[in-house]
């Protein structure tokens, strides 16, 4: 009987698939959502999207749902979940959960415009509801928690953390594609607003 060797590529595929299956199998959770815009008076369930997976090595970036660029702070196999909920008032609620990160520290986290890649910069800039004409954007008038999605995390002794951001707008179609975790808390002062140090990890999210 032949044996099948698990290569780095197949391991990455299995990790990504396990995350998708875990989300799809959870009670009351769906990995897809309706494209219809809910009205204020709609009584049905609000559209939700959930991505749950584990961080794969950067060598698996071509097929993995999430990758880590710094395995000391975001180890391979650390867990991540991103949930998006479209609110009936026209806003959006985004929740980020992580487990097994480097403990007892604060991380910056933001929604970015492009998918994760082999290089940290591949995810592009932060998504902005009103785009700053000057890039990279470090002007507090544009780089702020109302115009972007900031999801800074305070990891506990187990490396677990949860953050929630609520904004009063919706993402443009195809405009938001990932969440990036950074080394430091997000700065707010002019000339540095929105910056949070090196990009440690990235998770692909097909935001609605």
Protein backbone atom coordinates (compact mmCIF):
# COMPACT_ATOMS: atom_id res chain seq x y z
CA UNK A 1 0.00 0.00 0.00
CA UNK A 2 1.44 3.38 -0.98
CA UNK A 3 1.90 6.17 1.51
CA UNK A 4 1.19 9.82 0.90
CA UNK A 5 3.83 12.21 2.10
CA UNK A 6 2.58 15.52 3.52
CA UNK A 7 4.55 18.24 1.79
CA UNK A 8 4.68 21.91 2.90
CA UNK A 9 2.21 22.71 0.10
CA UNK A 10 -0.27 20.02 1.10
CA UNK A 11 0.12 20.97 4.76
CA UNK A 12 -0.82 24.54 3.89
CA UNK A 13 -3.88 23.38 1.99
CA UNK A 14 -4.97 21.17 4.87
CA UNK A 15 -4.57 24.02 7.37
CA UNK A 16 -6.63 26.39 5.25
CA UNK A 17 -9.29 23.76 4.59
CA UNK A 18 -9.51 22.93 8.28
CA UNK A 19 -10.24 26.56 9.05
CA UNK A 20 -12.98 26.78 6.46
CA UNK A 21 -14.58 23.54 7.63
CA UNK A 22 -14.45 24.64 11.26
CA UNK A 23 -16.31 27.81 10.39
CA UNK A 24 -18.85 26.13 8.14
CA UNK A 25 -19.58 23.46 10.74
CA UNK A 26 -20.14 25.81 13.66
CA UNK A 27 -23.75 26.26 14.73
CA UNK A 28 -25.32 29.43 13.44
CA UNK A 29 -22.22 30.51 11.52
CA UNK A 30 -21.93 30.85 7.78
CA UNK A 31 -18.94 31.60 5.58
CA UNK A 32 -21.09 33.40 3.02
CA UNK A 33 -23.67 36.12 3.11
CA UNK A 34 -26.52 37.63 1.14
CA UNK A 35 -25.60 40.35 -1.32
CA UNK A 36 -28.87 42.14 -0.66
CA UNK A 37 -28.76 45.39 1.29
CA UNK A 38 -30.90 45.02 4.43
CA UNK A 39 -33.27 47.88 5.15
CA UNK A 40 -33.69 49.50 8.57
CA UNK A 41 -37.01 47.75 8.99
CA UNK A 42 -35.86 44.31 7.83
CA UNK A 43 -36.69 41.63 10.38
CA UNK A 44 -34.64 38.78 8.94
CA UNK A 45 -31.11 37.87 10.06
CA UNK A 46 -28.43 40.45 9.28
CA UNK A 47 -25.86 39.34 6.68
CA UNK A 48 -22.72 37.93 8.29
CA UNK A 49 -19.41 36.59 7.05
CA UNK A 50 -16.98 34.58 9.19
CA UNK A 51 -13.47 33.43 8.35
CA UNK A 52 -11.76 31.14 10.85
CA UNK A 53 -8.37 29.55 10.21
CA UNK A 54 -4.79 29.12 11.44
CA UNK A 55 -1.66 30.98 10.37
CA UNK A 56 0.46 29.11 7.84
CA UNK A 57 4.14 29.74 7.00
CA UNK A 58 4.83 32.40 4.41
CA UNK A 59 5.91 29.68 1.97
CA UNK A 60 2.22 28.72 1.79
CA UNK A 61 1.05 32.26 0.94
CA UNK A 62 -0.18 31.24 -2.52
CA UNK A 63 -2.94 29.01 -1.14
CA UNK A 64 -3.23 29.66 2.62
CA UNK A 65 -6.09 31.63 4.17
CA UNK A 66 -3.68 33.31 6.60
CA UNK A 67 0.10 33.65 6.79
CA UNK A 68 2.63 34.76 9.40
CA UNK A 69 5.70 36.83 8.61
CA UNK A 70 7.03 36.74 12.20
CA UNK A 71 6.75 33.26 13.72
CA UNK A 72 8.08 34.43 17.09
CA UNK A 73 5.11 36.75 17.68
CA UNK A 74 2.54 34.97 15.48
CA UNK A 75 3.48 31.27 15.46
CA UNK A 76 2.52 28.89 12.68
CA UNK A 77 -0.72 27.25 13.85
CA UNK A 78 -1.90 30.27 15.89
CA UNK A 79 -5.63 30.74 15.41
CA UNK A 80 -7.55 33.68 14.00
CA UNK A 81 -11.20 34.48 13.31
CA UNK A 82 -12.66 37.53 11.58
CA UNK A 83 -16.39 38.19 11.60
CA UNK A 84 -18.15 40.86 9.54
CA UNK A 85 -21.77 41.86 10.20
CA UNK A 86 -23.75 44.32 8.10
CA UNK A 87 -25.88 46.45 10.39
CA UNK A 88 -29.40 47.52 9.48
CA UNK A 89 -28.48 51.17 10.01
CA UNK A 90 -26.04 50.98 7.10
CA UNK A 91 -22.92 50.45 9.20
CA UNK A 92 -20.56 47.51 9.59
CA UNK A 93 -19.34 45.62 12.65
CA UNK A 94 -16.03 43.73 12.46
CA UNK A 95 -14.74 41.40 15.16
CA UNK A 96 -11.22 39.96 15.36
CA UNK A 97 -10.25 37.05 17.62
CA UNK A 98 -6.80 35.48 17.99
CA UNK A 99 -5.24 32.72 20.06
CA UNK A 100 -1.65 31.59 20.67
CA UNK A 101 0.03 34.88 19.77
CA UNK A 102 3.02 36.21 21.71
CA UNK A 103 1.65 36.87 25.20
CA UNK A 104 1.17 40.03 27.27
CA UNK A 105 1.55 42.62 24.55
CA UNK A 106 -0.49 44.96 22.36
CA UNK A 107 -0.75 44.50 18.61
CA UNK A 108 -2.09 46.86 15.98
CA UNK A 109 -4.57 45.45 13.45
CA UNK A 110 -6.38 46.97 10.49
CA UNK A 111 -8.42 46.07 7.42
CA UNK A 112 -6.29 46.35 4.26
CA UNK A 113 -7.18 46.74 0.59
CA UNK A 114 -5.42 43.75 -0.98
CA UNK A 115 -5.01 40.01 -0.30
CA UNK A 116 -2.12 38.61 1.72
CA UNK A 117 1.01 37.65 -0.18
CA UNK A 118 4.54 36.39 0.32
CA UNK A 119 5.65 39.89 1.29
CA UNK A 120 4.04 41.89 4.13
CA UNK A 121 3.54 44.87 1.81
CA UNK A 122 1.43 42.80 -0.61
CA UNK A 123 -1.73 43.52 1.42
CA UNK A 124 -1.58 47.15 0.36
CA UNK A 125 -2.64 50.16 2.47
CA UNK A 126 -5.41 50.44 5.02
CA UNK A 127 -8.93 50.51 3.66
CA UNK A 128 -10.36 54.03 3.98
CA UNK A 129 -13.98 55.03 3.54
CA UNK A 130 -12.80 58.43 2.27
CA UNK A 131 -9.45 57.90 0.60
CA UNK A 132 -6.57 60.20 1.50
CA UNK A 133 -5.23 61.75 -1.75
CA UNK A 134 -1.74 61.58 -0.21
CA UNK A 135 -0.30 58.10 0.24
CA UNK A 136 0.94 56.62 2.47
CA UNK A 137 -1.79 58.12 4.61
CA UNK A 138 -0.55 59.49 7.96
CA UNK A 139 -2.93 62.45 8.26
CA UNK A 140 -5.31 62.06 11.26
CA UNK A 141 -8.07 63.58 9.13
CA UNK A 142 -8.06 60.35 7.10
CA UNK A 143 -6.05 57.85 9.18
CA UNK A 144 -8.43 57.48 12.09
CA UNK A 145 -10.73 54.87 13.60
CA UNK A 146 -13.85 56.40 12.00
CA UNK A 147 -12.50 56.39 8.44
CA UNK A 148 -10.57 53.10 8.71
CA UNK A 149 -11.14 49.83 10.59
CA UNK A 150 -8.78 49.62 13.59
CA UNK A 151 -8.79 46.34 15.52
CA UNK A 152 -5.89 46.68 17.98
CA UNK A 153 -5.46 43.67 20.26
CA UNK A 154 -4.23 43.29 23.86
CA UNK A 155 -3.07 39.68 24.12
CA UNK A 156 -3.27 38.06 27.56
CA UNK A 157 -0.88 35.55 29.15
CA UNK A 158 -2.22 32.85 26.82
CA UNK A 159 -1.78 34.99 23.71
CA UNK A 160 -5.54 35.35 23.27
CA UNK A 161 -7.34 38.58 22.43
CA UNK A 162 -10.54 39.96 20.95
CA UNK A 163 -11.38 43.34 19.45
CA UNK A 164 -14.43 44.90 17.80
CA UNK A 165 -14.73 47.89 15.49
CA UNK A 166 -18.01 49.44 14.37
CA UNK A 167 -18.18 52.00 11.56
CA UNK A 168 -21.15 53.79 10.04
CA UNK A 169 -20.35 52.80 6.44
CA UNK A 170 -20.01 49.71 4.22
CA UNK A 171 -16.98 48.49 2.29
CA UNK A 172 -16.86 49.23 -1.41
CA UNK A 173 -17.27 46.11 -3.53
CA UNK A 174 -13.89 44.35 -3.67
CA UNK A 175 -12.18 47.21 -1.84
CA UNK A 176 -11.30 45.38 1.39
CA UNK A 177 -9.53 42.02 1.18
CA UNK A 178 -7.56 41.28 4.36
CA UNK A 179 -6.77 42.00 8.00
CA UNK A 180 -3.13 42.65 8.94
CA UNK A 181 -1.68 42.31 12.44
CA UNK A 182 1.11 44.74 13.31
CA UNK A 183 3.85 44.82 15.94
CA UNK A 184 2.64 47.88 17.90
CA UNK A 185 -0.49 49.73 18.92
CA UNK A 186 -1.81 52.12 16.28
CA UNK A 187 -0.45 55.67 16.46
CA UNK A 188 -2.82 58.64 16.25
CA UNK A 189 -0.58 61.73 15.99
CA UNK A 190 0.04 63.72 12.81
CA UNK A 191 2.74 62.35 10.56
CA UNK A 192 2.38 58.87 12.06
CA UNK A 193 -1.40 58.40 12.30
CA UNK A 194 -2.46 54.86 11.43
CA UNK A 195 1.05 53.41 11.64
CA UNK A 196 1.66 50.41 13.90
CA UNK A 197 5.11 49.08 13.09
CA UNK A 198 6.08 46.04 11.01
CA UNK A 199 3.40 43.72 9.61
CA UNK A 200 3.54 40.43 11.51
CA UNK A 201 0.73 38.40 9.92
CA UNK A 202 -2.17 38.61 7.48
CA UNK A 203 -5.52 36.86 7.01
CA UNK A 204 -7.53 36.94 3.77
CA UNK A 205 -11.13 38.04 4.25
CA UNK A 206 -13.59 38.54 1.33
CA UNK A 207 -15.40 41.44 2.99
CA UNK A 208 -18.93 42.08 1.78
